[in-house]
Every structure is written in structure tokens, then in C-alpha cells.
PDB file of N, CA and C in Angstrom:
ATOM      1  N   MET A   1      40.205 -96.467  81.527  1.00  0.00           N
ATOM      2  CA  MET A   1      41.061 -96.377  80.818  1.00  0.00           C
ATOM      3  C   MET A   1      41.726 -98.170  80.187  1.00  0.00           C
ATOM      4  N   ILE A   2      41.400 -98.309  78.443  1.00  0.00           N
ATOM      5  CA  ILE A   2      41.218 -99.543  78.058  1.00  0.00           C
ATOM      6  C   ILE A   2      42.303-100.337  77.843  1.00  0.00           C
ATOM      7  N   ARG A   3      42.061-101.600  78.365  1.00  0.00           N
ATOM      8  CA  ARG A   3      43.041-102.015  78.204  1.00  0.00           C
ATOM      9  C   ARG A   3      43.524-102.872  77.184  1.00  0.00           C
ATOM     10  N   GLY A   4      44.129-103.573  76.216  1.00  0.00           N
ATOM     11  CA  GLY A   4      44.597-104.075  74.977  1.00  0.00           C
ATOM     12  C   GLY A   4      43.611-105.302  74.491  1.00  0.00           C
ATOM     13  N   TYR A   5      43.451-106.268  75.735  1.00  0.00           N
ATOM     14  CA  TYR A   5      41.975-106.946  75.212  1.00  0.00           C
ATOM     15  C   TYR A   5      40.883-106.305  75.194  1.00  0.00           C
ATOM     16  N   ARG A   6      40.589-106.091  75.447  1.00  0.00           N
ATOM     17  CA  ARG A   6      39.265-105.512  74.997  1.00  0.00           C
ATOM     18  C   ARG A   6      39.180-104.789  73.638  1.00  0.00           C
ATOM     19  N   THR A   7      39.891-104.561  72.461  1.00  0.00           N
ATOM     20  CA  THR A   7      39.487-104.275  72.408  1.00  0.00           C
ATOM     21  C   THR A   7      40.045-105.215  70.702  1.00  0.00           C
ATOM     22  N   HIS A   8      40.400-106.177  71.628  1.00  0.00           N
ATOM     23  CA  HIS A   8      39.973-107.674  70.452  1.00  0.00           C
ATOM     24  C   HIS A   8      38.518-108.149  70.034  1.00  0.00           C
ATOM     25  N   THR A   9      38.768-108.598  68.796  1.00  0.00           N
ATOM     26  CA  THR A   9      37.607-109.171  68.441  1.00  0.00           C
ATOM     27  C   THR A   9      37.114-109.507  68.707  1.00  0.00           C
ATOM     28  N   LEU A  10      36.930-110.515  69.592  1.00  0.00           N
ATOM     29  CA  LEU A  10      37.130-111.944  70.101  1.00  0.00           C
ATOM     30  C   LEU A  10      36.196-111.530  71.270  1.00  0.00           C
ATOM     31  N   TRP A  11      36.692-110.620  71.688  1.00  0.00           N
ATOM     32  CA  TRP A  11      37.026-110.114  73.051  1.00  0.00           C
ATOM     33  C   TRP A  11      35.133-109.272  73.331  1.00  0.00           C
ATOM     34  N   VAL A  12      35.395-108.451  72.037  1.00  0.00           N
ATOM     35  CA  VAL A  12      33.563-107.273  71.509  1.00  0.00           C
ATOM     36  C   VAL A  12      32.543-108.923  71.134  1.00  0.00           C
ATOM     37  N   ALA A  13      33.583-110.373  70.127  1.00  0.00           N
ATOM     38  CA  ALA A  13      31.780-111.307  69.946  1.00  0.00           C
ATOM     39  C   ALA A  13      32.344-111.387  71.230  1.00  0.00           C
ATOM     40  N   PHE A  14      33.041-111.851  72.647  1.00  0.00           N
ATOM     41  CA  PHE A  14      31.946-112.346  74.095  1.00  0.00           C
ATOM     42  C   PHE A  14      30.759-111.062  74.644  1.00  0.00           C
ATOM     43  N   LEU A  15      31.534-109.853  74.216  1.00  0.00           N
ATOM     44  CA  LEU A  15      30.570-108.503  74.802  1.00  0.00           C
ATOM     45  C   LEU A  15      29.344-109.122  74.385  1.00  0.00           C
ATOM     46  N   LEU A  16      29.306-108.864  73.170  1.00  0.00           N
ATOM     47  CA  LEU A  16      28.034-109.299  72.166  1.00  0.00           C
ATOM     48  C   LEU A  16      27.726-110.677  72.851  1.00  0.00           C
ATOM     49  N   HIS A  17      27.625-111.262  72.613  1.00  0.00           N
ATOM     50  CA  HIS A  17      27.420-112.478  72.953  1.00  0.00           C
ATOM     51  C   HIS A  17      26.260-113.082  74.976  1.00  0.00           C
ATOM     52  N   ARG A  18      27.061-112.323  75.314  1.00  0.00           N
ATOM     53  CA  ARG A  18      26.543-112.031  76.956  1.00  0.00           C
ATOM     54  C   ARG A  18      26.391-110.676  77.000  1.00  0.00           C
ATOM     55  N   ILE A  19      25.911-109.725  76.365  1.00  0.00           N
ATOM     56  CA  ILE A  19      24.894-108.715  76.061  1.00  0.00           C
ATOM     57  C   ILE A  19      23.287-109.372  75.773  1.00  0.00           C
ATOM     58  N   SER A  20      23.327-109.775  74.741  1.00  0.00           N
ATOM     59  CA  SER A  20      22.376-110.522  74.403  1.00  0.00           C
ATOM     60  C   SER A  20      21.593-111.913  74.771  1.00  0.00           C
ATOM     61  N   GLY A  21      22.846-112.055  75.534  1.00  0.00           N
ATOM     62  CA  GLY A  21      21.612-113.654  76.527  1.00  0.00           C
ATOM     63  C   GLY A  21      21.118-112.930  77.496  1.00  0.00           C
ATOM     64  N   MET A  22      21.374-111.960  78.217  1.00  0.00           N
ATOM     65  CA  MET A  22      20.675-111.149  79.373  1.00  0.00           C
ATOM     66  C   MET A  22      19.569-110.348  78.688  1.00  0.00           C
ATOM     67  N   ALA A  23      19.536-110.109  77.483  1.00  0.00           N
ATOM     68  CA  ALA A  23      18.640-109.615  76.775  1.00  0.00           C
ATOM     69  C   ALA A  23      18.187-109.637  76.784  1.00  0.00           C
ATOM     70  N   LEU A  24      17.790-111.420  75.971  1.00  0.00           N
ATOM     71  CA  LEU A  24      16.791-112.887  75.721  1.00  0.00           C
ATOM     72  C   LEU A  24      16.351-112.821  76.884  1.00  0.00           C
ATOM     73  N   ALA A  25      17.498-112.786  77.975  1.00  0.00           N
ATOM     74  CA  ALA A  25      16.573-112.838  78.977  1.00  0.00           C
ATOM     75  C   ALA A  25      15.559-112.697  80.232  1.00  0.00           C
ATOM     76  N   LEU A  26      15.689-111.011  79.509  1.00  0.00           N
ATOM     77  CA  LEU A  26      14.384-109.945  80.548  1.00  0.00           C
ATOM     78  C   LEU A  26      13.527-109.893  79.595  1.00  0.00           C
ATOM     79  N   PHE A  27      13.388-110.557  78.143  1.00  0.00           N
ATOM     80  CA  PHE A  27      12.280-110.309  77.533  1.00  0.00           C
ATOM     81  C   PHE A  27      11.643-111.271  77.313  1.00  0.00           C
ATOM     82  N   LEU A  28      12.163-112.937  78.033  1.00  0.00           N
ATOM     83  CA  LEU A  28      11.206-113.507  77.940  1.00  0.00           C
ATOM     84  C   LEU A  28      10.293-113.499  79.549  1.00  0.00           C
ATOM     85  N   PRO A  29      10.950-113.414  80.445  1.00  0.00           N
ATOM     86  CA  PRO A  29       9.213-113.213  81.518  1.00  0.00           C
ATOM     87  C   PRO A  29       7.727-112.548  80.622  1.00  0.00           C
ATOM     88  N   LEU A  30       8.827-111.191  80.086  1.00  0.00           N
ATOM     89  CA  LEU A  30       8.151-110.571  79.687  1.00  0.00           C
ATOM     90  C   LEU A  30       6.896-111.087  78.294  1.00  0.00           C
ATOM     91  N   HIS A  31       7.384-111.683  78.109  1.00  0.00           N
ATOM     92  CA  HIS A  31       6.965-112.589  75.970  1.00  0.00           C
ATOM     93  C   HIS A  31       5.683-113.178  76.930  1.00  0.00           C
ATOM     94  N   PHE A  32       6.558-113.871  77.892  1.00  0.00           N
ATOM     95  CA  PHE A  32       5.176-115.174  78.963  1.00  0.00           C
ATOM     96  C   PHE A  32       3.831-114.190  79.261  1.00  0.00           C
ATOM     97  N   TRP A  33       4.305-113.449  80.296  1.00  0.00           N
ATOM     98  CA  TRP A  33       3.239-112.379  81.073  1.00  0.00           C
ATOM     99  C   TRP A  33       2.719-112.000  79.312  1.00  0.00           C
ATOM    100  N   VAL A  34       3.015-111.680  78.659  1.00  0.00           N
ATOM    101  CA  VAL A  34       1.880-111.424  77.211  1.00  0.00           C
ATOM    102  C   VAL A  34       0.731-112.444  77.087  1.00  0.00           C
ATOM    103  N   LEU A  35       1.968-113.438  76.994  1.00  0.00           N
ATOM    104  CA  LEU A  35       0.819-114.804  75.836  1.00  0.00           C
ATOM    105  C   LEU A  35       0.230-114.859  76.766  1.00  0.00           C
ATOM    106  N   SER A  36       0.190-114.715  78.118  1.00  0.00           N
ATOM    107  CA  SER A  36      -0.225-115.451  79.572  1.00  0.00           C
ATOM    108  C   SER A  36      -1.964-114.521  79.265  1.00  0.00           C
ATOM    109  N   TYR A  37      -2.172-113.968  78.946  1.00  0.00           N
ATOM    110  CA  TYR A  37      -3.104-112.803  78.169  1.00  0.00           C
ATOM    111  C   TYR A  37      -4.289-113.671  77.285  1.00  0.00           C
ATOM    112  N   ALA A  38      -3.766-114.533  76.305  1.00  0.00           N
ATOM    113  CA  ALA A  38      -5.214-115.756  75.895  1.00  0.00           C
ATOM    114  C   ALA A  38      -5.336-116.201  76.274  1.00  0.00           C
ATOM    115  N   LEU A  39      -5.016-117.272  77.863  1.00  0.00           N
ATOM    116  CA  LEU A  39      -6.185-117.283  78.266  1.00  0.00           C
ATOM    117  C   LEU A  39      -6.508-116.866  79.629  1.00  0.00           C
ATOM    118  N   THR A  40      -5.873-115.438  79.672  1.00  0.00           N
ATOM    119  CA  THR A  40      -6.888-114.915  80.428  1.00  0.00           C
ATOM    120  C   THR A  40      -8.091-113.408  80.493  1.00  0.00           C
ATOM    121  N   ALA A  41      -7.264-112.635  79.288  1.00  0.00           N
ATOM    122  CA  ALA A  41      -7.492-111.775  79.131  1.00  0.00           C
ATOM    123  C   ALA A  41      -7.701-111.366  77.386  1.00  0.00           C
ATOM    124  N   PRO A  42      -8.527-112.262  76.620  1.00  0.00           N
ATOM    125  CA  PRO A  42      -8.599-111.885  75.676  1.00  0.00           C
ATOM    126  C   PRO A  42      -8.755-111.078  74.318  1.00  0.00           C
ATOM    127  N   GLU A  43      -9.071-110.313  75.642  1.00  0.00           N
ATOM    128  CA  GLU A  43      -9.496-108.685  74.491  1.00  0.00           C
ATOM    129  C   GLU A  43      -8.675-108.392  74.983  1.00  0.00           C
ATOM    130  N   THR A  44      -7.502-108.266  76.137  1.00  0.00           N
ATOM    131  CA  THR A  44      -6.443-107.872  76.374  1.00  0.00           C
ATOM    132  C   THR A  44      -5.335-107.764  74.747  1.00  0.00           C
ATOM    133  N   LEU A  45      -5.587-109.549  75.437  1.00  0.00           N
ATOM    134  CA  LEU A  45      -3.992-109.929  74.672  1.00  0.00           C
ATOM    135  C   LEU A  45      -4.847-109.147  72.648  1.00  0.00           C
ATOM    136  N   ASP A  46      -5.659-109.310  72.935  1.00  0.00           N
ATOM    137  CA  ASP A  46      -6.039-108.359  71.206  1.00  0.00           C
ATOM    138  C   ASP A  46      -5.452-106.987  70.761  1.00  0.00           C
ATOM    139  N   GLY A  47      -5.918-106.482  72.504  1.00  0.00           N
ATOM    140  CA  GLY A  47      -5.370-105.258  71.984  1.00  0.00           C
ATOM    141  C   GLY A  47      -4.156-104.944  72.120  1.00  0.00           C
ATOM    142  N   LEU A  48      -2.765-105.885  72.664  1.00  0.00           N
ATOM    143  CA  LEU A  48      -1.534-105.402  73.097  1.00  0.00           C
ATOM    144  C   LEU A  48      -0.858-106.424  71.171  1.00  0.00           C
ATOM    145  N   LEU A  49      -1.970-106.902  70.837  1.00  0.00           N
ATOM    146  CA  LEU A  49      -1.056-108.024  69.122  1.00  0.00           C
ATOM    147  C   LEU A  49      -1.779-106.141  68.461  1.00  0.00           C
ATOM    148  N   ARG A  50      -2.620-105.289  68.775  1.00  0.00           N
ATOM    149  CA  ARG A  50      -3.115-104.144  67.387  1.00  0.00           C
ATOM    150  C   ARG A  50      -1.461-103.578  67.573  1.00  0.00           C
ATOM    151  N   TRP A  51      -0.945-103.587  68.513  1.00  0.00           N
ATOM    152  CA  TRP A  51       0.011-102.817  69.363  1.00  0.00           C
ATOM    153  C   TRP A  51       1.298-102.949  68.636  1.00  0.00           C
ATOM    154  N   THR A  52       0.861-103.837  68.065  1.00  0.00           N
ATOM    155  CA  THR A  52       2.531-104.939  67.275  1.00  0.00           C
ATOM    156  C   THR A  52       3.008-103.671  66.202  1.00  0.00           C
ATOM    157  N   ASP A  53       1.465-103.947  65.661  1.00  0.00           N
ATOM    158  CA  ASP A  53       1.622-102.978  63.954  1.00  0.00           C
ATOM    159  C   ASP A  53       2.629-101.230  64.251  1.00  0.00           C
ATOM    160  N   LEU A  54       2.529-101.099  64.904  1.00  0.00           N
ATOM    161  CA  LEU A  54       3.606 -99.796  64.707  1.00  0.00           C
ATOM    162  C   LEU A  54       4.478-100.076  64.634  1.00  0.00           C
ATOM    163  N   GLY A  55       5.397 -99.325  63.890  1.00  0.00           N
ATOM    164  CA  GLY A  55       6.634 -99.002  63.101  1.00  0.00           C
ATOM    165  C   GLY A  55       7.609 -98.923  64.723  1.00  0.00           C
ATOM    166  N   ILE A  56       7.879 -98.343  65.372  1.00  0.00           N
ATOM    167  CA  ILE A  56       8.853 -99.153  66.407  1.00  0.00           C
ATOM    168  C   ILE A  56       8.927-100.070  66.956  1.00  0.00           C
ATOM    169  N   VAL A  57       7.396-100.307  67.328  1.00  0.00           N
ATOM    170  CA  VAL A  57       7.956-102.217  67.919  1.00  0.00           C
ATOM    171  C   VAL A  57       7.715-103.140  67.003  1.00  0.00           C
ATOM    172  N   LYS A  58       7.903-103.663  65.672  1.00  0.00           N
ATOM    173  CA  LYS A  58       8.637-103.489  64.592  1.00  0.00           C
ATOM    174  C   LYS A  58      10.319-103.582  64.480  1.00  0.00           C
ATOM    175  N   PHE A  59      11.105-101.983  64.239  1.00  0.00           N
ATOM    176  CA  PHE A  59      11.881-102.060  64.227  1.00  0.00           C
ATOM    177  C   PHE A  59      12.220-102.684  65.870  1.00  0.00           C
ATOM    178  N   ALA A  60      11.915-102.812  67.352  1.00  0.00           N
ATOM    179  CA  ALA A  60      11.978-103.356  68.172  1.00  0.00           C
ATOM    180  C   ALA A  60      12.664-104.505  67.934  1.00  0.00           C
ATOM    181  N   GLU A  61      10.747-105.716  67.842  1.00  0.00           N
ATOM    182  CA  GLU A  61      11.103-106.643  67.034  1.00  0.00           C
ATOM    183  C   GLU A  61      12.329-106.976  65.811  1.00  0.00           C
ATOM    184  N   PHE A  62      12.584-106.272  65.446  1.00  0.00           N
ATOM    185  CA  PHE A  62      14.221-106.200  64.407  1.00  0.00           C
ATOM    186  C   PHE A  62      14.764-106.384  65.413  1.00  0.00           C
ATOM    187  N   GLY A  63      15.858-105.450  66.389  1.00  0.00           N
ATOM    188  CA  GLY A  63      16.331-105.475  67.723  1.00  0.00           C
ATOM    189  C   GLY A  63      16.306-107.424  68.604  1.00  0.00           C
ATOM    190  N   LEU A  64      14.860-107.822  68.442  1.00  0.00           N
ATOM    191  CA  LEU A  64      15.096-109.084  69.222  1.00  0.00           C
ATOM    192  C   LEU A  64      15.379-109.799  68.317  1.00  0.00           C
ATOM    193  N   VAL A  65      14.966-110.445  67.364  1.00  0.00           N
ATOM    194  CA  VAL A  65      15.314-111.164  65.884  1.00  0.00           C
ATOM    195  C   VAL A  65      17.101-111.400  66.252  1.00  0.00           C
ATOM    196  N   PHE A  66      18.031-109.842  66.237  1.00  0.00           N
ATOM    197  CA  PHE A  66      19.205-109.534  65.834  1.00  0.00           C
ATOM    198  C   PHE A  66      19.571-110.011  66.840  1.00  0.00           C
ATOM    199  N   LEU A  67      19.706-109.501  68.022  1.00  0.00           N
ATOM    200  CA  LEU A  67      20.047-110.562  69.426  1.00  0.00           C
ATOM    201  C   LEU A  67      19.379-112.109  69.385  1.00  0.00           C
ATOM    202  N   LEU A  68      18.771-111.747  69.001  1.00  0.00           N
ATOM    203  CA  LEU A  68      18.487-113.984  68.840  1.00  0.00           C
ATOM    204  C   LEU A  68      19.510-114.399  68.272  1.00  0.00           C
ATOM    205  N   SER A  69      19.478-114.331  67.441  1.00  0.00           N
ATOM    206  CA  SER A  69      20.462-115.128  66.339  1.00  0.00           C
ATOM    207  C   SER A  69      22.068-114.323  66.475  1.00  0.00           C
ATOM    208  N   VAL A  70      22.000-113.554  67.325  1.00  0.00           N
ATOM    209  CA  VAL A  70      23.781-112.858  67.753  1.00  0.00           C
ATOM    210  C   VAL A  70      24.088-114.014  68.667  1.00  0.00           C
ATOM    211  N   HIS A  71      23.121-114.068  70.055  1.00  0.00           N
ATOM    212  CA  HIS A  71      23.386-115.314  70.482  1.00  0.00           C
ATOM    213  C   HIS A  71      23.609-116.615  69.870  1.00  0.00           C
ATOM    214  N   MET A  72      22.540-116.805  69.345  1.00  0.00           N
ATOM    215  CA  MET A  72      22.731-118.373  68.624  1.00  0.00           C
ATOM    216  C   MET A  72      23.588-118.701  68.222  1.00  0.00           C
ATOM    217  N   PHE A  73      24.190-117.755  67.096  1.00  0.00           N
ATOM    218  CA  PHE A  73      25.386-117.889  65.898  1.00  0.00           C
ATOM    219  C   PHE A  73      26.648-117.778  67.153  1.00  0.00           C
ATOM    220  N   GLY A  74      27.126-116.436  68.389  1.00  0.00           N
ATOM    221  CA  GLY A  74      28.320-116.744  68.903  1.00  0.00           C
ATOM    222  C   GLY A  74      28.377-118.064  69.045  1.00  0.00           C
ATOM    223  N   GLY A  75      27.057-118.659  70.014  1.00  0.00           N
ATOM    224  CA  GLY A  75      26.465-119.880  70.813  1.00  0.00           C
ATOM    225  C   GLY A  75      27.615-120.780  70.131  1.00  0.00           C
ATOM    226  N   LEU A  76      26.921-121.519  68.984  1.00  0.00           N
ATOM    227  CA  LEU A  76      27.866-122.108  67.896  1.00  0.00           C
ATOM    228  C   LEU A  76      28.520-121.675  67.583  1.00  0.00           C
ATOM    229  N   ARG A  77      29.726-120.225  68.023  1.00  0.00           N
ATOM    230  CA  ARG A  77      30.946-120.293  67.251  1.00  0.00           C
ATOM    231  C   ARG A  77      31.747-120.712  68.748  1.00  0.00           C
ATOM    232  N   LEU A  78      31.139-120.740  70.066  1.00  0.00           N
ATOM    233  CA  LEU A  78      31.936-121.004  71.856  1.00  0.00           C
ATOM    234  C   LEU A  78      31.865-122.564  70.794  1.00  0.00           C
ATOM    235  N   MET A  79      31.154-123.103  70.573  1.00  0.00           N
ATOM    236  CA  MET A  79      30.653-124.441  70.621  1.00  0.00           C
ATOM    237  C   MET A  79      31.966-125.594  69.393  1.00  0.00           C
ATOM    238  N   ALA A  80      32.307-124.671  68.682  1.00  0.00           N
ATOM    239  CA  ALA A  80      33.443-124.624  67.482  1.00  0.00           C
ATOM    240  C   ALA A  80      34.374-124.405  68.119  1.00  0.00           C
ATOM    241  N   LEU A  81      34.949-123.529  68.869  1.00  0.00           N
ATOM    242  CA  LEU A  81      35.988-122.825  69.604  1.00  0.00           C
ATOM    243  C   LEU A  81      36.238-123.798  71.096  1.00  0.00           C
ATOM    244  N   GLU A  82      35.128-125.031  71.805  1.00  0.00           N
ATOM    245  CA  GLU A  82      35.856-125.767  72.010  1.00  0.00           C
ATOM    246  C   GLU A  82      35.496-127.544  72.001  1.00  0.00           C
ATOM    247  N   TRP A  83      35.421-127.161  70.660  1.00  0.00           N
ATOM    248  CA  TRP A  83      35.335-129.008  70.195  1.00  0.00           C
ATOM    249  C   TRP A  83      36.799-129.104  68.776  1.00  0.00           C
ATOM    250  N   LEU A  84      36.282-127.846  68.780  1.00  0.00           N
ATOM    251  CA  LEU A  84      37.393-127.714  67.540  1.00  0.00           C
ATOM    252  C   LEU A  84      38.422-127.047  67.705  1.00  0.00           C
ATOM    253  N   PRO A  85      40.016-127.834  67.570  1.00  0.00           N
ATOM    254  CA  PRO A  85      41.127-127.095  67.087  1.00  0.00           C
ATOM    255  C   PRO A  85      41.537-126.276  67.013  1.00  0.00           C
ATOM    256  N   TRP A  86      41.881-124.755  67.588  1.00  0.00           N
ATOM    257  CA  TRP A  86      42.791-123.706  66.728  1.00  0.00           C
ATOM    258  C   TRP A  86      42.802-123.141  65.781  1.00  0.00           C
ATOM    259  N   THR A  87      42.137-121.914  65.519  1.00  0.00           N
ATOM    260  CA  THR A  87      42.801-121.732  63.755  1.00  0.00           C
ATOM    261  C   THR A  87      43.031-120.125  63.653  1.00  0.00           C
ATOM    262  N   SER A  88      43.358-119.935  62.529  1.00  0.00           N
ATOM    263  CA  SER A  88      43.663-118.366  63.684  1.00  0.00           C
ATOM    264  C   SER A  88      42.585-118.023  62.473  1.00  0.00           C
ATOM    265  N   GLY A  89      41.269-118.694  61.937  1.00  0.00           N
ATOM    266  CA  GLY A  89      40.102-117.739  61.315  1.00  0.00           C
ATOM    267  C   GLY A  89      39.004-118.039  62.773  1.00  0.00           C
ATOM    268  N   GLN A  90      39.558-117.067  63.453  1.00  0.00           N
ATOM    269  CA  GLN A  90      38.336-117.563  65.060  1.00  0.00           C
ATOM    270  C   GLN A  90      37.399-115.609  64.995  1.00  0.00           C
ATOM    271  N   LYS A  91      38.361-115.022  64.483  1.00  0.00           N
ATOM    272  CA  LYS A  91      38.627-113.663  64.215  1.00  0.00           C
ATOM    273  C   LYS A  91      37.405-113.144  62.088  1.00  0.00           C
ATOM    274  N   THR A  92      37.570-114.197  62.614  1.00  0.00           N
ATOM    275  CA  THR A  92      36.434-114.275  60.298  1.00  0.00           C
ATOM    276  C   THR A  92      35.007-115.116  61.437  1.00  0.00           C
ATOM    277  N   ALA A  93      35.388-116.398  62.631  1.00  0.00           N
ATOM    278  CA  ALA A  93      33.803-116.812  62.429  1.00  0.00           C
ATOM    279  C   ALA A  93      33.173-115.858  63.483  1.00  0.00           C
ATOM    280  N   ALA A  94      33.919-114.892  64.122  1.00  0.00           N
ATOM    281  CA  ALA A  94      33.589-114.161  64.502  1.00  0.00           C
ATOM    282  C   ALA A  94      32.272-113.417  63.981  1.00  0.00           C
ATOM    283  N   ALA A  95      32.753-112.284  62.963  1.00  0.00           N
ATOM    284  CA  ALA A  95      32.540-111.922  62.224  1.00  0.00           C
ATOM    285  C   ALA A  95      31.486-112.426  61.221  1.00  0.00           C
ATOM    286  N   SER A  96      31.376-113.285  61.407  1.00  0.00           N
ATOM    287  CA  SER A  96      30.684-114.435  60.232  1.00  0.00           C
ATOM    288  C   SER A  96      29.484-114.206  61.346  1.00  0.00           C
ATOM    289  N   ALA A  97      30.102-114.583  62.461  1.00  0.00           N
ATOM    290  CA  ALA A  97      28.454-114.413  62.803  1.00  0.00           C
ATOM    291  C   ALA A  97      27.666-113.142  63.165  1.00  0.00           C
ATOM    292  N   VAL A  98      28.027-112.070  63.822  1.00  0.00           N
ATOM    293  CA  VAL A  98      27.341-111.064  63.089  1.00  0.00           C
ATOM    294  C   VAL A  98      27.248-110.745  61.849  1.00  0.00           C
ATOM    295  N   ALA A  99      28.132-110.741  61.390  1.00  0.00           N
ATOM    296  CA  ALA A  99      27.174-110.655  59.751  1.00  0.00           C
ATOM    297  C   ALA A  99      26.090-111.501  59.752  1.00  0.00           C
ATOM    298  N   ALA A 100      26.293-112.963  59.599  1.00  0.00           N
ATOM    299  CA  ALA A 100      24.786-114.014  59.397  1.00  0.00           C
ATOM    300  C   ALA A 100      23.139-113.264  60.681  1.00  0.00           C
ATOM    301  N   SER A 101      23.725-112.855  61.634  1.00  0.00           N
ATOM    302  CA  SER A 101      22.629-112.731  62.436  1.00  0.00           C
ATOM    303  C   SER A 101      22.000-111.770  61.807  1.00  0.00           C
ATOM    304  N   THR A 102      22.276-110.286  61.298  1.00  0.00           N
ATOM    305  CA  THR A 102      22.506-109.162  60.718  1.00  0.00           C
ATOM    306  C   THR A 102      21.131-109.555  59.317  1.00  0.00           C
ATOM    307  N   LEU A 103      21.737-110.790  58.921  1.00  0.00           N
ATOM    308  CA  LEU A 103      21.006-110.748  57.425  1.00  0.00           C
ATOM    309  C   LEU A 103      20.149-111.656  57.699  1.00  0.00           C
ATOM    310  N   VAL A 104      19.713-112.694  59.169  1.00  0.00           N
ATOM    311  CA  VAL A 104      18.672-112.469  59.459  1.00  0.00           C
ATOM    312  C   VAL A 104      17.930-111.596  59.953  1.00  0.00           C
ATOM    313  N   ALA A 105      18.408-110.921  60.430  1.00  0.00           N
ATOM    314  CA  ALA A 105      17.239-110.053  61.529  1.00  0.00           C
ATOM    315  C   ALA A 105      17.096-109.096  60.005  1.00  0.00           C
ATOM    316  N   GLY A 106      17.546-108.833  59.404  1.00  0.00           N
ATOM    317  CA  GLY A 106      17.115-108.051  57.617  1.00  0.00           C
ATOM    318  C   GLY A 106      15.943-108.317  57.204  1.00  0.00           C
ATOM    319  N   VAL A 107      16.849-109.561  57.038  1.00  0.00           N
ATOM    320  CA  VAL A 107      14.911-110.735  56.260  1.00  0.00           C
ATOM    321  C   VAL A 107      13.864-110.635  57.482  1.00  0.00           C
ATOM    322  N   PHE A 108      13.697-110.291  58.446  1.00  0.00           N
ATOM    323  CA  PHE A 108      12.501-110.773  59.267  1.00  0.00           C
ATOM    324  C   PHE A 108      12.428-109.307  59.240  1.00  0.00           C
ATOM    325  N   PHE A 109      13.115-108.048  59.279  1.00  0.00           N
ATOM    326  CA  PHE A 109      12.657-106.988  59.639  1.00  0.00           C
ATOM    327  C   PHE A 109      12.502-106.442  58.218  1.00  0.00           C
ATOM    328  N   LEU A 110      12.588-106.764  56.848  1.00  0.00           N
ATOM    329  CA  LEU A 110      12.037-106.586  55.691  1.00  0.00           C
ATOM    330  C   LEU A 110      10.843-107.746  55.568  1.00  0.00           C
ATOM    331  N   ARG A 111      10.250-108.723  55.792  1.00  0.00           N
ATOM    332  CA  ARG A 111       9.638-108.815  56.163  1.00  0.00           C
ATOM    333  C   ARG A 111       7.933-108.346  56.443  1.00  0.00           C
ATOM    334  N   ALA A 112       8.145-108.247  57.695  1.00  0.00           N
ATOM    335  CA  ALA A 112       7.686-107.420  59.051  1.00  0.00           C
ATOM    336  C   ALA A 112       7.411-106.570  58.492  1.00  0.00           C
ATOM    337  N   ILE A 113       7.860-105.848  57.617  1.00  0.00           N
ATOM    338  CA  ILE A 113       7.283-104.140  56.924  1.00  0.00           C
ATOM    339  C   ILE A 113       6.288-103.993  55.933  1.00  0.00           C
TER     340      ILE A 113
END
């Protein structure tokens, strides 16, 4: 049974912020592992970099940039929530954070293809 507060816009913003943070935390070790090939096996790194030209990888990068920007804008929204007085525009701020994240990720994706 879904409780009423779990359908609230700010609950969804919290959930999106938490999921994006966990996804980024899982991605970073993989990213550093691939970058370590620059020092240990440059030919392997070259192969991985050629692999990044695939369309599915570019779409995954779009998702990664979206998660990064959602987490950043969501964090800015949370800081505003902590430091500024409460207003009825908090839902608008949450929706604006998602919209700005989509815009940033979309621009990145369009430049990548």
C-alpha cells in the first residue's frame, strides 16, 4: 500500500537524489579502475576508449550526466531548504532541479552524438 507522503513531489525529489547518489557512488570505482589503465595498460585503455564511440555507451553517458546533474541540483535544493525559510515554492524548486538536469544532460548528449 502506497502512503500519501510517498506520492508527494518532495518525496520523489528525495528518492531521486538518494538513487542518483548511490548510482554515482557505484560508478566512481569503475571509472577509476578504467582510468588506471592509462598507467598500467595503455593499449587496453585505447580499446575501451574506442568502445565509448558506440551509441549505447553515449546513451549511458547521457544517463550518467543526468544522474550527476540531478544530484547536484537536488543538493543545491536541499541546501536552500536548510538555509532559507520555507516557502510554498519548494515543489517548484524540486521540479526545476529535474528540468535543469534534463537540460544539462540533453545538451551533453546532443554534443556527444
